[in-house]
Every structure is written in C-alpha cells, then in structure tokens.
Amino acid sequence: MKNLIYIIFLVVISCNQKKTENLASNEMTAQMILGNSKYQAICYGGYRTNTREKQPTIAEIKEDIKLLAALNIKVLRTYNVHYEEVSNLLKAITELKKENSNFEMYVMLGAWIDCKNAWTNLPPIHHEESERNAIEMEEAVRLTNQYPEIIKIIAVGNEAMVTWATSYYVTPNIILKWVNHLQTLKKQNKLPKEVWITSSDNFASWGGGGSEYHVEDLNQLIKAVDYISMHTYPMHDTHYNPVFWGIKEKEQQLSEKEKIDAAMLRARDYAKNQYESVVDYMKSIGVNKPIHIGETGWATQSNENYGVEGSNATDEYKSAQFYNLMREWTNKNGIACFYFEAFDENWKDSANPLGSENHFGLINLQNEAKYVLWNDVDNAVFKGLTRNGKPITKTYNGDERALWLDVKSPKAILKNE
C-alpha cells in the first residue's frame, strides 16, 4: 500500500510539473512576465557590422539568444519591424523552442513611429505622422498573430514623443491613435487578447518632467495603455543635468573606488526619482497601473560628453555598478527592467567608433564579456556557447588592475546636503 501511495504521489508531481511547463511555453502573458524576477529583460540588437544593411542571420541570432538565456534573460525588446532582423529573431526563437520544448524567450515587439518628413531635408511636422507608420503597425500586428506564443507586448514607438528627438518626434495624439487601434483589434479578436500594448518613451514624455508634456492627449494615452514603459538615463545626465554627479565635500577622503561607488548610488537614486515622478503624475490623473523600465543603461566608452573629455562617466566599472544596482532595485520592487543593451552595436554611430552609442552592450564586438559579466565567465555560465563561432572571454584579459587605469572619478565637487 505504501508503495502504491508513493507511486501515485510521483504521478501527481509529474503531472503538475508538466502543467507548469505547458503554462510556461504556451500560456505565459505579459502580466505574468513583467516584474517577475525569473524573467529578466534586455534590449536586443544583433547587428555585427557598422551598417544595418547587413542583417544578422538566424544562426547568429541563435548564438546570441543562447548566451542571453544562460544569463537568465527571457524577455527581449526590439525596436522596429521593417528590417529582417526581427523576423529572423522570431524564427530563431521558434527553432530553439522546437529543439527544446522547455526553452523560453519572449519578445516586446517595437513598432517604429515617425512624424511627417522625418529623416528628410524637409522640416519635420510633428503633429502629423509619416505614411510609413501604418505599414509598420500592420506588420507588427501580422507578426504578433503569427507568433503569439513569443510576442507578449507591442510598443508603439520608441522615444517618439520626447521633444529632444527633433528629427522624428510626434505629438501624443498620434501614439494614442495607434494604441487605441491595437486595443480595438484585441476586442475584435484580431490580436491575442492577452498581448499588452504600450509605448516606450522617456520619463518626461510620461509626465514625469516639465509641464509642457502635461496635455490631455497624454492623459488619455496613459489610460489607454496596458502599462507604462518609461526610460531613464542617468548616464546622459552626468552631462546634461549633473545635480547628482560628483564627489561630495565629505567624501574627499574616501578611496577612489569608494568615491565612485557613492556617485553610482546617487545615479541609481536619480533613476528611482525619475521613476517615482512618472508614478506621481499617473496617480495625479486618477490612474493606477504598472510602470516598468523600457530602457536604461550605461555606456562603457565615450570620446564625447561622457568620457575623459567630459563627465568621466563611461567605463566598465561604473557600467557594472549601475547594472547591478538597477537589477537589485527593480527585482526587489517587482519592476521589469529592459536593460540597454545586450551586445555592442557600432552602426549606431558608425562615423565615430568611440561614440558612446556604440558601447552600451554587456558583450562587445570582440566576443568579450565586459566587467559586469566577468564572474559569469569564471563560473562557466557560457561554457560551450559562442558568438561568431568564438568563445566568450573577458575584456582587459581579465586584468582588473588594467581596467582600473581607465576608471576616473567624477570631476565636480558637490555641496554637502
């Protein structure tokens, strides 16, 4: 009898495990994934050259996905659907799921939004939209319906409302139009009803900044999305708004590492404050829904405003500190954080190889893990995995003393509070 009971117990446990696995592969929703620390998120681009004319292949993307999965990353954010990269990514994930039924990787699919005359020699008309937007949205819908087990979120636009995006930004009514369109398709069963719709934009665009953004169309947009996807970049503000970036008078006697650690804590708190400013605005208009971080990151190199000629912000130590601090805070508080980004991409500033936009990745184009991932290399997390057919090694040949030669303290002296 005892043996029979034990056998029944094992069968029940096995059935429950299979139910969980089936749920994980087929029925996971954005609501279950976002803010779940078991589903770490990251921004993904797989370009290996200084042009987007050369698309990453399915085989190359599968290499990337395996590396990210080894880091427990299970949600990828993309930015547009008009390049083959996105369809190749979806095919790559599909192939990996066929190879391993327990494999999980989900996508926040970006649909790019532009204003009329964006990226042309004509003056941009920000309250009118590009004809291309409708094509982009149609393709986003098609892909979501084709890959409902993978695509769990659609983001309408990327930093498409923030006014410093002078080449292409649109007024909030345009984003609202497309969000409402997608929400209507869900109600008509022309999109999966569980897919979440958002727009991914700067914290100020979501009401966390100046009053110029506090317009009724934004309020209606906040009510229309399933959640708010906001961006925060303290690294950029080490130059543009360096209220937190420096060494306090009382910190002058600390070691260089202690000074930098204190500055990075303030950088994390600056991001937290921007997050809370969006929460406050949302609640001020009577709304209460999830807010997650659609982008944040810290470049490791710059010959512009953020390097040694500027704010001394960019190096691998500070980048690692910011990554770890942001993951710790967001995981603890149930906030999804789509960290920017997985791999360096040098098409972003192809005319300036040392430009910061080329150096936000956790892994560089030489297949080297940056300092933030050195422990993962030591712990054989990437064992048997490659990028471009080569194993993942460490930057600086793993020599931390060499790394610290490139680490500089912030220049400014901050008044003690």
Protein backbone atom coordinates (compact mmCIF):
# COMPACT_ATOMS: atom_id res chain seq x y z
CA MET A 1 0.00 0.00 0.00
CA LYS A 2 2.81 2.40 0.89
CA ASN A 3 4.47 1.71 -2.48
CA LEU A 4 1.18 2.34 -4.28
CA ILE A 5 0.69 5.66 -2.47
CA TYR A 6 4.26 6.67 -3.31
CA ILE A 7 3.73 5.82 -6.98
CA ILE A 8 0.51 7.88 -7.06
CA PHE A 9 2.40 10.76 -5.39
CA LEU A 10 5.09 10.65 -8.08
CA VAL A 11 2.49 10.61 -10.85
CA VAL A 12 0.72 13.67 -9.37
CA ILE A 13 4.03 15.54 -9.03
CA SER A 14 4.94 14.66 -12.62
CA CYS A 15 1.56 15.87 -13.91
CA ASN A 16 1.88 19.16 -12.01
CA GLN A 17 5.36 19.72 -13.44
CA LYS A 18 4.08 19.11 -16.96
CA LYS A 19 1.22 21.55 -16.37
CA THR A 20 3.75 24.18 -15.24
CA GLU A 21 5.95 23.53 -18.27
CA ASN A 22 2.97 23.78 -20.61
CA LEU A 23 1.94 27.06 -18.97
CA ALA A 24 5.47 28.40 -19.33
CA SER A 25 5.69 27.58 -23.03
CA ASN A 26 2.15 28.32 -24.21
CA GLU A 27 0.16 30.48 -21.81
CA MET A 28 2.59 32.97 -20.28
CA THR A 29 1.31 36.53 -20.54
CA ALA A 30 2.89 39.94 -20.23
CA GLN A 31 1.16 40.35 -16.89
CA MET A 32 2.89 37.19 -15.60
CA ILE A 33 6.29 38.11 -17.06
CA LEU A 34 6.76 41.81 -16.39
CA GLY A 35 8.16 42.43 -12.94
CA ASN A 36 8.83 38.72 -12.41
CA SER A 37 12.48 38.38 -11.38
CA LYS A 38 12.63 34.94 -13.00
CA TYR A 39 12.10 36.69 -16.35
CA GLN A 40 14.92 39.17 -16.74
CA ALA A 41 14.58 41.55 -19.67
CA ILE A 42 17.05 43.22 -22.03
CA CYS A 43 17.10 45.32 -25.20
CA TYR A 44 18.39 43.34 -28.15
CA GLY A 45 20.04 44.17 -31.43
CA GLY A 46 22.14 41.56 -33.21
CA TYR A 47 24.00 43.73 -35.72
CA ARG A 48 27.68 42.87 -36.02
CA THR A 49 28.81 45.49 -38.53
CA ASN A 50 28.62 49.29 -38.81
CA THR A 51 25.58 49.17 -41.08
CA ARG A 52 22.07 47.79 -40.80
CA GLU A 53 22.23 46.81 -44.43
CA LYS A 54 23.83 43.55 -43.29
CA GLN A 55 21.22 41.70 -41.29
CA PRO A 56 22.16 39.18 -38.59
CA THR A 57 21.35 35.66 -39.69
CA ILE A 58 19.14 33.18 -37.86
CA ALA A 59 22.26 31.20 -36.91
CA GLU A 60 23.94 34.31 -35.49
CA ILE A 61 20.84 35.28 -33.54
CA LYS A 62 20.55 31.77 -32.10
CA GLU A 63 24.10 32.18 -30.75
CA ASP A 64 23.04 35.44 -29.10
CA ILE A 65 19.85 34.04 -27.63
CA LYS A 66 21.68 31.09 -26.07
CA LEU A 67 24.14 33.47 -24.42
CA LEU A 68 21.33 35.61 -23.03
CA ALA A 69 19.35 32.60 -21.86
CA ALA A 70 22.44 31.47 -19.94
CA LEU A 71 22.18 34.78 -18.04
CA ASN A 72 18.54 34.01 -17.16
CA ILE A 73 17.29 36.62 -19.62
CA LYS A 74 13.95 35.58 -21.05
CA VAL A 75 12.42 38.75 -22.50
CA LEU A 76 13.91 40.68 -25.43
CA ARG A 77 12.93 44.13 -26.59
CA THR A 78 13.10 45.06 -30.29
CA TYR A 79 12.58 48.45 -31.93
CA ASN A 80 11.04 48.13 -35.38
CA VAL A 81 9.68 45.58 -37.81
CA HIS A 82 10.98 46.94 -41.11
CA TYR A 83 14.28 45.05 -41.00
CA GLU A 84 14.78 41.32 -41.45
CA GLU A 85 16.47 41.16 -38.04
CA VAL A 86 13.13 40.97 -36.21
CA SER A 87 11.65 38.18 -38.33
CA ASN A 88 14.96 36.32 -38.04
CA LEU A 89 14.81 36.71 -34.26
CA LEU A 90 11.31 35.23 -34.14
CA LYS A 91 12.38 32.35 -36.38
CA ALA A 92 15.45 31.75 -34.23
CA ILE A 93 13.38 31.57 -31.04
CA THR A 94 10.93 29.22 -32.76
CA GLU A 95 13.77 26.90 -33.79
CA LEU A 96 15.20 26.86 -30.27
CA LYS A 97 11.77 26.04 -28.84
CA LYS A 98 11.49 23.12 -31.27
CA GLU A 99 14.93 21.89 -30.21
CA ASN A 100 14.00 22.16 -26.53
CA SER A 101 10.33 22.22 -25.52
CA ASN A 102 11.23 23.88 -22.20
CA PHE A 103 13.09 26.78 -23.80
CA GLU A 104 11.58 30.18 -23.01
CA MET A 105 12.18 33.50 -24.70
CA TYR A 106 9.59 36.21 -25.18
CA VAL A 107 9.56 39.46 -27.14
CA MET A 108 8.44 43.03 -26.58
CA LEU A 109 7.92 43.98 -30.21
CA GLY A 110 8.63 47.57 -31.15
CA ALA A 111 6.79 49.36 -33.94
CA TRP A 112 8.70 52.46 -35.03
CA ILE A 113 6.76 55.73 -35.24
CA ASP A 114 7.89 58.88 -37.07
CA CYS A 115 6.44 62.29 -37.79
CA LYS A 116 5.83 63.56 -41.32
CA ASN A 117 9.09 64.45 -43.12
CA ALA A 118 11.20 62.65 -40.50
CA TRP A 119 14.79 61.98 -41.61
CA THR A 120 14.42 64.09 -44.74
CA ASN A 121 15.66 67.51 -45.81
CA LEU A 122 12.16 68.87 -45.25
CA PRO A 123 11.14 70.41 -41.92
CA PRO A 124 9.57 67.75 -39.68
CA ILE A 125 5.87 68.24 -38.99
CA HIS A 126 5.46 66.85 -35.51
CA HIS A 127 1.67 66.91 -35.28
CA GLU A 128 1.35 64.88 -38.49
CA GLU A 129 2.62 61.36 -38.96
CA SER A 130 4.68 59.53 -41.54
CA GLU A 131 2.79 57.35 -44.00
CA ARG A 132 5.24 54.64 -43.05
CA ASN A 133 3.67 54.29 -39.60
CA ALA A 134 0.61 52.43 -40.92
CA ILE A 135 2.84 49.91 -42.68
CA GLU A 136 4.89 49.41 -39.53
CA MET A 137 1.78 48.84 -37.42
CA GLU A 138 0.28 46.41 -39.92
CA GLU A 139 3.45 44.32 -39.86
CA ALA A 140 3.56 44.40 -36.06
CA VAL A 141 0.02 43.01 -35.97
CA ARG A 142 0.85 40.34 -38.54
CA LEU A 143 3.92 39.15 -36.64
CA THR A 144 2.07 39.13 -33.31
CA ASN A 145 -0.66 36.96 -34.76
CA GLN A 146 1.93 34.67 -36.34
CA TYR A 147 3.99 34.31 -33.15
CA PRO A 148 1.52 34.73 -30.24
CA GLU A 149 3.50 32.29 -28.07
CA ILE A 150 6.56 34.59 -28.33
CA ILE A 151 5.34 38.19 -28.73
CA LYS A 152 3.71 39.28 -25.47
CA ILE A 153 3.97 43.09 -25.76
CA ILE A 154 3.70 45.61 -28.58
CA ALA A 155 5.34 49.00 -28.04
CA VAL A 156 4.04 51.81 -30.24
CA GLY A 157 7.10 53.97 -30.89
CA ASN A 158 10.46 54.40 -29.22
CA GLU A 159 11.18 57.77 -27.62
CA ALA A 160 8.67 59.02 -30.16
CA MET A 161 7.12 61.75 -28.01
CA VAL A 162 10.12 63.33 -26.31
CA THR A 163 10.79 66.70 -27.90
CA TRP A 164 14.57 66.42 -27.94
CA ALA A 165 14.09 63.74 -30.64
CA THR A 166 13.86 66.66 -33.03
CA SER A 167 14.22 64.62 -36.22
CA TYR A 168 11.14 62.48 -35.76
CA TYR A 169 9.08 63.01 -32.58
CA VAL A 170 5.29 63.07 -32.76
CA THR A 171 2.66 64.63 -30.56
CA PRO A 172 0.92 62.22 -28.13
CA ASN A 173 -2.31 62.09 -30.14
CA ILE A 174 -0.53 60.07 -32.83
CA ILE A 175 0.70 57.46 -30.36
CA LEU A 176 -2.77 57.42 -28.77
CA LYS A 177 -4.35 56.75 -32.16
CA TRP A 178 -2.27 53.61 -32.71
CA VAL A 179 -2.58 52.36 -29.14
CA ASN A 180 -6.36 52.64 -29.43
CA HIS A 181 -6.21 50.87 -32.80
CA LEU A 182 -4.39 47.90 -31.27
CA GLN A 183 -6.70 47.80 -28.25
CA THR A 184 -9.66 47.71 -30.63
CA LEU A 185 -8.12 44.80 -32.55
CA LYS A 186 -7.83 42.91 -29.26
CA LYS A 187 -11.53 43.46 -28.56
CA GLN A 188 -12.35 42.26 -32.09
CA ASN A 189 -10.23 39.11 -31.58
CA LYS A 190 -7.90 40.29 -34.34
CA LEU A 191 -4.99 40.31 -31.89
CA PRO A 192 -4.38 37.98 -28.93
CA LYS A 193 -6.41 39.42 -26.07
CA GLU A 194 -3.57 38.89 -23.58
CA VAL A 195 -0.96 40.89 -25.51
CA TRP A 196 -0.14 44.12 -23.70
CA ILE A 197 0.04 47.43 -25.55
CA THR A 198 2.31 50.28 -24.51
CA SER A 199 4.60 52.99 -25.82
CA SER A 200 8.23 53.11 -24.70
CA ASP A 201 9.38 56.63 -24.01
CA ASN A 202 11.44 58.99 -21.89
CA PHE A 203 10.24 59.58 -18.33
CA ALA A 204 9.44 63.22 -19.16
CA SER A 205 7.15 62.15 -22.01
CA TRP A 206 5.10 60.19 -19.49
CA GLY A 207 4.51 63.28 -17.35
CA GLY A 208 7.50 62.91 -15.06
CA GLY A 209 9.23 66.03 -16.41
CA GLY A 210 8.13 69.52 -17.33
CA SER A 211 4.55 70.70 -17.52
CA GLU A 212 4.82 71.12 -21.30
CA TYR A 213 4.17 67.39 -21.55
CA HIS A 214 1.05 67.52 -19.31
CA VAL A 215 -1.56 67.57 -22.05
CA GLU A 216 -4.91 65.83 -22.29
CA ASP A 217 -3.76 63.52 -25.09
CA LEU A 218 -1.03 62.20 -22.79
CA ASN A 219 -3.60 61.64 -20.03
CA GLN A 220 -5.76 59.68 -22.44
CA LEU A 221 -2.73 57.69 -23.59
CA ILE A 222 -1.88 56.74 -20.01
CA LYS A 223 -5.43 55.48 -19.62
CA ALA A 224 -5.27 53.56 -22.92
CA VAL A 225 -2.04 51.59 -22.50
CA ASP A 226 -1.89 48.36 -20.51
CA TYR A 227 1.20 49.61 -18.72
CA ILE A 228 3.71 52.46 -18.94
CA SER A 229 7.15 51.72 -20.37
CA MET A 230 9.49 54.55 -19.30
CA HIS A 231 13.15 55.30 -19.99
CA THR A 232 15.68 56.70 -17.55
CA TYR A 233 19.32 57.52 -18.36
CA PRO A 234 21.35 58.98 -15.50
CA MET A 235 24.48 58.46 -17.62
CA HIS A 236 23.38 61.11 -20.10
CA ASP A 237 22.53 63.47 -17.27
CA THR A 238 26.07 63.32 -15.90
CA HIS A 239 26.49 65.89 -18.66
CA TYR A 240 23.03 67.41 -19.18
CA ASN A 241 21.79 67.61 -15.60
CA PRO A 242 24.69 66.68 -13.28
CA VAL A 243 22.97 67.53 -9.99
CA PHE A 244 23.88 64.09 -8.63
CA TRP A 245 27.17 63.58 -10.45
CA GLY A 246 30.25 64.48 -8.48
CA ILE A 247 32.09 63.93 -5.21
CA LYS A 248 30.65 65.43 -2.05
CA GLU A 249 32.90 67.53 0.14
CA LYS A 250 32.62 65.00 2.96
CA GLU A 251 33.70 62.21 0.56
CA GLN A 252 37.04 63.75 -0.36
CA GLN A 253 38.97 61.45 1.99
CA LEU A 254 37.46 58.27 0.60
CA SER A 255 39.34 55.94 -1.75
CA GLU A 256 38.73 56.35 -5.48
CA LYS A 257 36.57 53.24 -5.50
CA GLU A 258 34.50 54.47 -2.56
CA LYS A 259 34.00 57.86 -4.22
CA ILE A 260 32.80 56.22 -7.41
CA ASP A 261 30.56 53.77 -5.55
CA ALA A 262 28.89 56.69 -3.76
CA ALA A 263 28.38 58.51 -7.08
CA MET A 264 26.83 55.40 -8.64
CA LEU A 265 24.41 55.04 -5.74
CA ARG A 266 23.30 58.60 -6.43
CA ALA A 267 22.92 57.70 -10.11
CA ARG A 268 20.67 54.78 -9.16
CA ASP A 269 18.66 57.05 -6.88
CA TYR A 270 18.34 59.59 -9.71
CA ALA A 271 16.76 56.85 -11.85
CA LYS A 272 14.47 55.91 -8.96
CA ASN A 273 13.36 59.53 -8.64
CA GLN A 274 12.52 59.70 -12.34
CA TYR A 275 10.50 56.51 -11.99
CA GLU A 276 8.64 57.93 -9.00
CA SER A 277 7.95 61.15 -10.88
CA VAL A 278 6.05 59.14 -13.51
CA VAL A 279 4.18 57.26 -10.77
CA ASP A 280 3.20 60.57 -9.19
CA TYR A 281 1.92 62.04 -12.44
CA MET A 282 -0.02 58.91 -13.34
CA LYS A 283 -1.74 58.90 -9.94
CA SER A 284 -2.44 62.64 -10.18
CA ILE A 285 -4.79 61.95 -13.11
CA GLY A 286 -6.52 59.12 -11.26
CA VAL A 287 -4.77 56.17 -12.89
CA ASN A 288 -3.07 53.24 -11.20
CA LYS A 289 -1.42 50.68 -13.44
CA PRO A 290 2.00 49.02 -13.76
CA ILE A 291 5.06 51.07 -14.70
CA HIS A 292 8.15 49.24 -15.96
CA ILE A 293 11.50 50.43 -17.27
CA GLY A 294 11.67 50.06 -21.04
CA GLU A 295 15.25 51.32 -21.22
CA THR A 296 18.14 52.24 -19.04
CA GLY A 297 21.85 51.67 -19.46
CA TRP A 298 25.37 52.92 -19.00
CA ALA A 299 27.97 53.04 -21.77
CA THR A 300 31.50 51.79 -21.17
CA GLN A 301 33.31 54.15 -23.52
CA SER A 302 32.90 57.64 -24.94
CA ASN A 303 35.03 60.29 -26.64
CA GLU A 304 32.20 62.81 -26.27
CA ASN A 305 30.36 64.36 -23.34
CA TYR A 306 30.65 61.34 -21.06
CA GLY A 307 34.31 60.31 -21.31
CA VAL A 308 37.54 61.80 -20.01
CA GLU A 309 36.95 64.98 -22.00
CA GLY A 310 33.53 65.30 -20.38
CA SER A 311 31.88 63.95 -17.23
CA ASN A 312 34.17 60.93 -16.63
CA ALA A 313 31.09 58.71 -16.58
CA THR A 314 31.90 55.91 -19.01
CA ASP A 315 33.99 52.90 -18.10
CA GLU A 316 33.36 49.24 -17.38
CA TYR A 317 33.42 49.56 -13.60
CA LYS A 318 30.71 52.25 -13.44
CA SER A 319 28.66 50.42 -16.04
CA ALA A 320 28.81 47.23 -13.96
CA GLN A 321 27.84 49.10 -10.79
CA PHE A 322 24.85 50.69 -12.49
CA TYR A 323 23.70 47.39 -13.98
CA ASN A 324 23.87 45.58 -10.64
CA LEU A 325 22.25 48.41 -8.70
CA MET A 326 19.38 48.69 -11.18
CA ARG A 327 18.78 44.94 -11.28
CA GLU A 328 18.81 44.77 -7.48
CA TRP A 329 16.32 47.64 -7.09
CA THR A 330 13.93 46.58 -9.87
CA ASN A 331 13.93 42.89 -8.92
CA LYS A 332 13.18 43.76 -5.30
CA ASN A 333 10.28 46.01 -6.28
CA GLY A 334 8.64 43.94 -9.00
CA ILE A 335 9.68 46.24 -11.83
CA ALA A 336 10.73 44.87 -15.21
CA CYS A 337 13.96 46.45 -16.45
CA PHE A 338 14.77 46.18 -20.15
CA TYR A 339 18.45 46.97 -19.78
CA PHE A 340 20.12 48.64 -22.74
CA GLU A 341 21.67 46.58 -24.16
CA ALA A 342 22.80 43.01 -24.70
CA PHE A 343 25.61 43.48 -27.25
CA ASP A 344 27.60 46.44 -28.56
CA GLU A 345 26.41 47.63 -31.97
CA ASN A 346 28.58 50.01 -33.93
CA TRP A 347 26.06 51.00 -36.61
CA LYS A 348 24.52 53.43 -34.12
CA ASP A 349 27.37 55.91 -34.54
CA SER A 350 29.25 54.46 -37.47
CA ALA A 351 31.16 57.70 -38.16
CA ASN A 352 32.58 57.73 -34.62
CA PRO A 353 33.75 54.29 -33.41
CA LEU A 354 34.38 55.62 -29.88
CA GLY A 355 30.95 57.23 -29.61
CA SER A 356 29.01 56.16 -26.54
CA GLU A 357 26.06 54.82 -28.54
CA ASN A 358 28.32 52.03 -29.83
CA HIS A 359 29.30 50.85 -26.35
CA PHE A 360 26.21 50.11 -24.25
CA GLY A 361 26.41 46.32 -24.56
CA LEU A 362 27.28 43.75 -21.91
CA ILE A 363 29.37 41.92 -24.52
CA ASN A 364 31.50 43.71 -27.09
CA LEU A 365 32.06 43.01 -30.77
CA GLN A 366 35.25 41.10 -29.99
CA ASN A 367 33.15 38.48 -28.18
CA GLU A 368 34.44 39.71 -24.83
CA ALA A 369 32.29 39.91 -21.72
CA LYS A 370 32.65 43.29 -20.05
CA TYR A 371 33.46 43.61 -16.35
CA VAL A 372 29.83 43.18 -15.29
CA LEU A 373 29.94 39.60 -16.63
CA TRP A 374 33.44 38.57 -15.57
CA ASN A 375 32.11 36.42 -12.73
CA ASP A 376 29.80 34.67 -15.18
CA VAL A 377 32.79 33.79 -17.34
CA ASP A 378 34.65 32.50 -14.26
CA ASN A 379 31.61 30.42 -13.29
CA ALA A 380 31.46 28.82 -16.76
CA VAL A 381 27.99 30.26 -17.44
CA PHE A 382 28.91 30.47 -21.15
CA LYS A 383 30.57 27.05 -21.33
CA GLY A 384 30.07 25.54 -24.77
CA LEU A 385 28.49 28.74 -26.11
CA THR A 386 29.97 31.02 -28.74
CA ARG A 387 29.43 34.27 -30.58
CA ASN A 388 30.58 34.40 -34.18
CA GLY A 389 31.88 30.89 -33.55
CA LYS A 390 34.23 32.06 -30.80
CA PRO A 391 34.03 31.51 -27.04
CA ILE A 392 33.26 34.41 -24.72
CA THR A 393 36.36 35.74 -22.96
CA LYS A 394 36.93 38.75 -20.69
CA THR A 395 37.79 42.33 -21.60
CA TYR A 396 41.22 43.50 -20.42
CA ASN A 397 42.22 39.82 -20.47
CA GLY A 398 40.56 39.67 -17.09
CA ASP A 399 43.14 42.02 -15.53
CA GLU A 400 41.25 44.24 -13.10
CA ARG A 401 44.30 46.45 -12.49
CA ALA A 402 44.40 47.27 -16.20
CA LEU A 403 40.68 48.04 -16.15
CA TRP A 404 41.10 50.50 -13.28
CA LEU A 405 43.59 52.53 -15.30
CA ASP A 406 40.57 53.63 -17.35
CA VAL A 407 38.32 54.41 -14.36
CA LYS A 408 38.14 58.09 -13.40
CA SER A 409 36.27 59.83 -10.60
CA PRO A 410 33.63 62.49 -11.37
CA LYS A 411 35.26 65.89 -11.62
CA ALA A 412 32.69 68.06 -9.85
CA ILE A 413 32.56 68.77 -6.12
CA LEU A 414 29.02 68.59 -4.75
CA LYS A 415 27.94 70.62 -1.76
CA ASN A 416 27.10 68.51 1.26
CA GLU A 417 23.39 68.32 1.99
